[in-house]
Protein backbone atom coordinates (compact mmCIF):
# COMPACT_ATOMS: atom_id res chain seq x y z
CA UNK A 1 0.00 0.00 0.00
CA UNK A 2 1.31 3.43 -0.99
CA UNK A 3 -0.09 6.42 0.88
CA UNK A 4 0.46 9.61 -1.12
CA UNK A 5 -0.44 13.06 0.21
CA UNK A 6 -1.34 15.75 -2.32
CA UNK A 7 -0.13 19.01 -0.77
CA UNK A 8 -0.28 22.71 -1.54
CA UNK A 9 1.13 25.70 0.27
CA UNK A 10 -2.00 27.76 -0.37
CA UNK A 11 -5.54 27.36 -1.64
CA UNK A 12 -6.62 27.97 -5.21
CA UNK A 13 -3.87 26.07 -7.02
CA UNK A 14 -6.11 23.10 -7.89
CA UNK A 15 -5.00 20.55 -5.30
CA UNK A 16 -8.34 18.75 -5.10
CA UNK A 17 -8.61 18.74 -8.90
CA UNK A 18 -5.23 17.02 -9.11
CA UNK A 19 -5.96 14.57 -6.29
CA UNK A 20 -9.33 13.55 -7.77
CA UNK A 21 -8.15 13.07 -11.35
CA UNK A 22 -4.94 11.32 -10.31
CA UNK A 23 -6.89 8.88 -8.12
CA UNK A 24 -9.22 8.13 -11.03
CA UNK A 25 -6.25 7.57 -13.35
CA UNK A 26 -4.65 5.10 -10.95
CA UNK A 27 -7.96 3.26 -10.59
CA UNK A 28 -8.32 3.12 -14.39
CA UNK A 29 -5.19 0.95 -14.54
CA UNK A 30 -6.94 -1.61 -12.35
CA UNK A 31 -5.00 -0.59 -9.25
CA UNK A 32 -7.37 -0.47 -6.23
CA UNK A 33 -7.36 3.19 -5.16
CA UNK A 34 -9.10 5.17 -2.44
CA UNK A 35 -9.31 8.97 -2.17
CA UNK A 36 -9.37 10.44 1.35
CA UNK A 37 -10.48 13.97 2.16
CA UNK A 38 -8.30 15.22 5.02
CA UNK A 39 -9.44 18.82 4.73
CA UNK A 40 -11.76 18.95 7.73
CA UNK A 41 -12.59 22.66 7.72
CA UNK A 42 -13.17 23.24 3.99
CA UNK A 43 -13.60 19.80 2.37
CA UNK A 44 -14.09 19.66 -1.39
CA UNK A 45 -13.83 16.02 -2.49
CA UNK A 46 -17.55 15.44 -1.91
CA UNK A 47 -18.36 18.39 -4.15
CA UNK A 48 -16.18 17.07 -6.97
CA UNK A 49 -17.92 13.67 -6.93
CA UNK A 50 -21.46 14.88 -6.12
CA UNK A 51 -21.55 13.14 -2.73
CA UNK A 52 -23.68 15.81 -1.10
CA UNK A 53 -25.85 13.72 1.18
CA UNK A 54 -23.38 11.28 2.72
CA UNK A 55 -25.04 9.66 5.72
CA UNK A 56 -21.71 8.87 7.38
CA UNK A 57 -18.34 10.55 6.90
CA UNK A 58 -14.82 10.45 8.30
CA UNK A 59 -16.01 12.83 10.99
CA UNK A 60 -18.53 10.25 12.23
CA UNK A 61 -15.88 7.55 12.34
CA UNK A 62 -13.49 9.74 14.33
CA UNK A 63 -16.30 10.39 16.82
CA UNK A 64 -16.82 6.59 17.14
CA UNK A 65 -20.31 6.82 15.62
CA UNK A 66 -19.80 4.21 12.87
CA UNK A 67 -17.37 1.69 11.42
CA UNK A 68 -14.85 2.60 8.76
CA UNK A 69 -16.63 0.47 6.16
CA UNK A 70 -19.66 2.73 6.62
CA UNK A 71 -17.74 5.72 5.25
CA UNK A 72 -16.20 4.18 2.13
CA UNK A 73 -18.28 5.22 -0.89
CA UNK A 74 -17.87 3.41 -4.19
CA UNK A 75 -18.07 5.76 -7.17
CA UNK A 76 -19.46 4.52 -10.49
CA UNK A 77 -15.92 4.74 -11.89
CA UNK A 78 -14.78 2.09 -9.40
CA UNK A 79 -12.87 4.59 -7.27
CA UNK A 80 -13.44 4.39 -3.50
CA UNK A 81 -13.91 7.69 -1.67
CA UNK A 82 -13.82 8.57 2.02
CA UNK A 83 -15.54 11.97 2.36
CA UNK A 84 -15.40 14.50 5.16
CA UNK A 85 -18.57 16.20 6.38
CA UNK A 86 -19.55 19.40 4.59
CA UNK A 87 -21.13 20.75 7.79
CA UNK A 88 -19.07 23.00 10.06
CA UNK A 89 -20.97 21.61 13.03
CA UNK A 90 -19.30 18.23 12.42
CA UNK A 91 -15.71 19.52 12.48
CA UNK A 92 -13.57 17.36 14.74
CA UNK A 93 -10.38 18.21 16.60
CA UNK A 94 -7.50 15.90 15.73
CA UNK A 95 -3.99 15.82 17.10
CA UNK A 96 -1.08 13.88 15.64
CA UNK A 97 -1.85 11.77 12.59
CA UNK A 98 -4.23 9.19 11.18
CA UNK A 99 -1.57 6.76 10.02
CA UNK A 100 -2.92 3.94 12.18
CA UNK A 101 -6.44 4.50 10.86
CA UNK A 102 -5.17 4.13 7.29
CA UNK A 103 -3.05 1.07 8.01
CA UNK A 104 -5.82 -0.73 9.90
CA UNK A 105 -8.69 0.00 7.51
CA UNK A 106 -7.32 0.49 4.01
CA UNK A 107 -4.66 -2.20 3.60
CA UNK A 108 -6.65 -3.82 0.78
CA UNK A 109 -5.95 -0.80 -1.44
CA UNK A 110 -2.80 -0.38 -3.49
CA UNK A 111 -2.97 3.42 -3.52
CA UNK A 112 -4.32 5.76 -0.86
CA UNK A 113 -4.49 9.34 -2.13
CA UNK A 114 -4.91 12.01 0.55
CA UNK A 115 -6.35 15.39 -0.38
CA UNK A 116 -4.68 17.56 2.24
CA UNK A 117 -5.70 20.88 3.66
CA UNK A 118 -3.58 23.72 2.17
CA UNK A 119 -0.73 25.38 4.02
CA UNK A 120 1.10 24.06 7.07
CA UNK A 121 -1.56 24.39 9.74
CA UNK A 122 -2.73 21.62 12.04
CA UNK A 123 -4.97 19.97 9.44
CA UNK A 124 -2.23 19.97 6.81
CA UNK A 125 0.20 18.46 9.31
CA UNK A 126 -2.24 15.59 9.90
CA UNK A 127 -1.94 14.69 6.22
CA UNK A 128 1.81 15.20 6.22
CA UNK A 129 2.27 12.93 9.22
CA UNK A 130 -0.09 10.29 7.83
CA UNK A 131 1.41 9.75 4.38
CA UNK A 132 4.49 7.85 3.19
CA UNK A 133 4.97 9.98 0.07
CA UNK A 134 3.96 13.48 -0.93
CA UNK A 135 3.44 15.54 -4.06
CA UNK A 136 3.18 19.32 -4.18
CA UNK A 137 0.71 21.11 -6.43
CA UNK A 138 1.79 24.59 -7.47
CA UNK A 139 1.13 27.18 -10.16
CA UNK A 140 4.07 28.26 -12.36
CA UNK A 141 4.73 31.57 -10.61
CA UNK A 142 7.56 32.59 -8.31
CA UNK A 143 5.44 33.00 -5.16
CA UNK A 144 3.90 29.54 -5.43
CA UNK A 145 7.22 27.86 -6.20
CA UNK A 146 8.99 29.86 -3.46
CA UNK A 147 6.49 28.58 -0.89
CA UNK A 148 6.96 25.00 -2.10
CA UNK A 149 10.75 25.30 -1.80
CA UNK A 150 10.42 26.69 1.74
CA UNK A 151 7.93 24.01 2.79
CA UNK A 152 10.10 21.27 1.30
CA UNK A 153 12.99 22.41 3.52
CA UNK A 154 10.69 22.33 6.55
CA UNK A 155 9.55 18.81 5.71
CA UNK A 156 13.15 17.63 5.50
CA UNK A 157 13.58 18.66 9.14
CA UNK A 158 10.68 16.53 10.38
CA UNK A 159 11.67 13.45 12.42
CA UNK A 160 9.38 11.22 10.34
CA UNK A 161 9.14 12.79 6.94
CA UNK A 162 7.44 11.48 3.82
CA UNK A 163 9.33 11.04 0.57
CA UNK A 164 8.51 14.04 -1.61
CA UNK A 165 8.12 12.75 -5.16
CA UNK A 166 8.01 16.14 -6.85
CA UNK A 167 5.80 18.97 -8.05
CA UNK A 168 2.79 19.04 -10.35
CA UNK A 169 2.53 22.39 -12.06
CA UNK A 170 -1.13 23.22 -12.52
CA UNK A 171 -2.99 25.91 -14.47
CA UNK A 172 -0.13 26.31 -16.93
CA UNK A 173 -0.93 28.85 -19.66
CA UNK A 174 2.33 28.69 -21.60
CA UNK A 175 2.96 32.42 -21.16
CA UNK A 176 6.44 33.96 -21.21
CA UNK A 177 6.02 35.33 -17.68
CA UNK A 178 5.51 31.86 -16.19
CA UNK A 179 8.37 29.93 -14.65
CA UNK A 180 9.64 27.20 -16.96
CA UNK A 181 9.96 23.60 -15.86
CA UNK A 182 13.74 23.74 -15.57
CA UNK A 183 13.53 26.94 -13.49
CA UNK A 184 11.05 25.36 -11.10
CA UNK A 185 13.22 22.26 -10.72
CA UNK A 186 16.38 24.27 -10.17
CA UNK A 187 14.83 26.59 -7.61
CA UNK A 188 12.83 24.02 -5.64
CA UNK A 189 15.23 21.09 -5.87
CA UNK A 190 12.30 18.87 -6.88
CA UNK A 191 11.39 17.27 -10.22
CA UNK A 192 8.32 18.47 -12.09
CA UNK A 193 6.16 15.37 -12.52
CA UNK A 194 3.64 16.94 -14.89
CA UNK A 195 2.41 20.23 -16.29
CA UNK A 196 -1.38 20.53 -16.38
CA UNK A 197 -2.62 23.11 -18.85
CA UNK A 198 -5.17 25.74 -17.88
CA UNK A 199 -8.52 24.67 -19.32
CA UNK A 200 -12.17 25.61 -19.01
CA UNK A 201 -12.81 21.86 -18.90
CA UNK A 202 -11.95 21.90 -15.20
CA UNK A 203 -14.49 24.67 -14.57
CA UNK A 204 -17.06 22.63 -16.48
CA UNK A 205 -16.23 19.62 -14.32
CA UNK A 206 -17.02 21.63 -11.18
CA UNK A 207 -20.40 22.56 -12.64
CA UNK A 208 -21.11 18.93 -13.51
CA UNK A 209 -19.67 17.69 -10.19
CA UNK A 210 -17.77 15.14 -12.24
CA UNK A 211 -13.94 15.12 -12.52
CA UNK A 212 -12.71 15.99 -16.02
CA UNK A 213 -10.88 12.65 -16.28
CA UNK A 214 -14.26 10.97 -16.81
CA UNK A 215 -15.42 13.01 -19.81
CA UNK A 216 -12.43 14.70 -21.46
CA UNK A 217 -9.96 12.55 -23.44
CA UNK A 218 -7.12 15.08 -23.29
CA UNK A 219 -7.39 15.36 -19.52
CA UNK A 220 -7.61 11.59 -19.06
CA UNK A 221 -4.56 11.08 -21.26
CA UNK A 222 -2.55 13.62 -19.28
CA UNK A 223 -3.43 12.03 -15.93
CA UNK A 224 -2.89 8.50 -17.19
CA UNK A 225 0.66 9.47 -18.14
CA UNK A 226 1.15 11.03 -14.70
CA UNK A 227 -0.33 8.01 -12.90
CA UNK A 228 1.83 5.63 -14.92
CA UNK A 229 4.93 7.59 -13.95
CA UNK A 230 4.04 7.54 -10.26
CA UNK A 231 3.01 3.88 -10.22
CA UNK A 232 5.84 2.65 -12.44
CA UNK A 233 3.36 1.31 -15.00
CA UNK A 234 4.54 0.99 -18.63
CA UNK A 235 2.30 3.28 -20.65
CA UNK A 236 2.55 4.92 -24.04
CA UNK A 237 0.12 7.41 -25.50
CA UNK A 238 -1.83 5.93 -28.36
CA UNK A 239 -0.66 7.36 -31.68
CA UNK A 240 -3.10 8.99 -34.08
CA UNK A 241 -2.41 6.42 -36.81
CA UNK A 242 -3.36 3.62 -34.41
CA UNK A 243 -6.61 5.36 -33.55
CA UNK A 244 -7.46 5.70 -37.25
CA UNK A 245 -6.67 2.04 -37.93
CA UNK A 246 -8.92 1.02 -35.05
CA UNK A 247 -11.77 3.13 -36.40
CA UNK A 248 -11.58 1.38 -39.77
CA UNK A 249 -11.17 -2.02 -38.18
CA UNK A 250 -7.64 -2.49 -39.47
CA UNK A 251 -6.20 -2.91 -36.01
CA UNK A 252 -7.82 -4.37 -32.92
CA UNK A 253 -5.29 -3.49 -30.24
């Protein structure tokens, strides 16, 4: 089981978008995957997957009101989701980490993706202390990358620190004023795992309450390549000629 925290140093960079689509991509390869919402104050995973009336959530489990199986929701895509309550009245106070909860209840999954709270507050530290590996989500601007570099140094000073796999640059417009991949890597000391282009598709997905991976081929292709890299799965983008041959029945694979 690999427990990977998706982190950001501030809100608005698309952390939940990345966590949701990456989890779906891993699941699409037939690797059992569960997405956990560890943002207890402002949870968003439920909104992305249209789980608005969850009877039981992680909050209920932490208050000993239900079993863990009661809070695992199976999405139509096959992805398992553990939501956090959308109600402020259900916010729970947690100290330390939830590593034991994950190990005891989710060991039948190959990938556990944690959508962390942004920043380095108490909620974010719960995610950081609960995961084995971590990935930063940042936008290609100096402030965002500066904060990642600073946070990465802080993580390296933790007694039990996760392995930081790298950075996913999100909302990339391809403008000259944006930091280039090599600049981000040189400044942060971390590899750039993927560059996700700015697209109205992600805004549409919020309106539909359905992650873009499930209805946009370009998005699904991008996240499949990212998931394959993280999971060590051999994967090659299908070439246009192969697609054409399939359409005309000249190739079946």
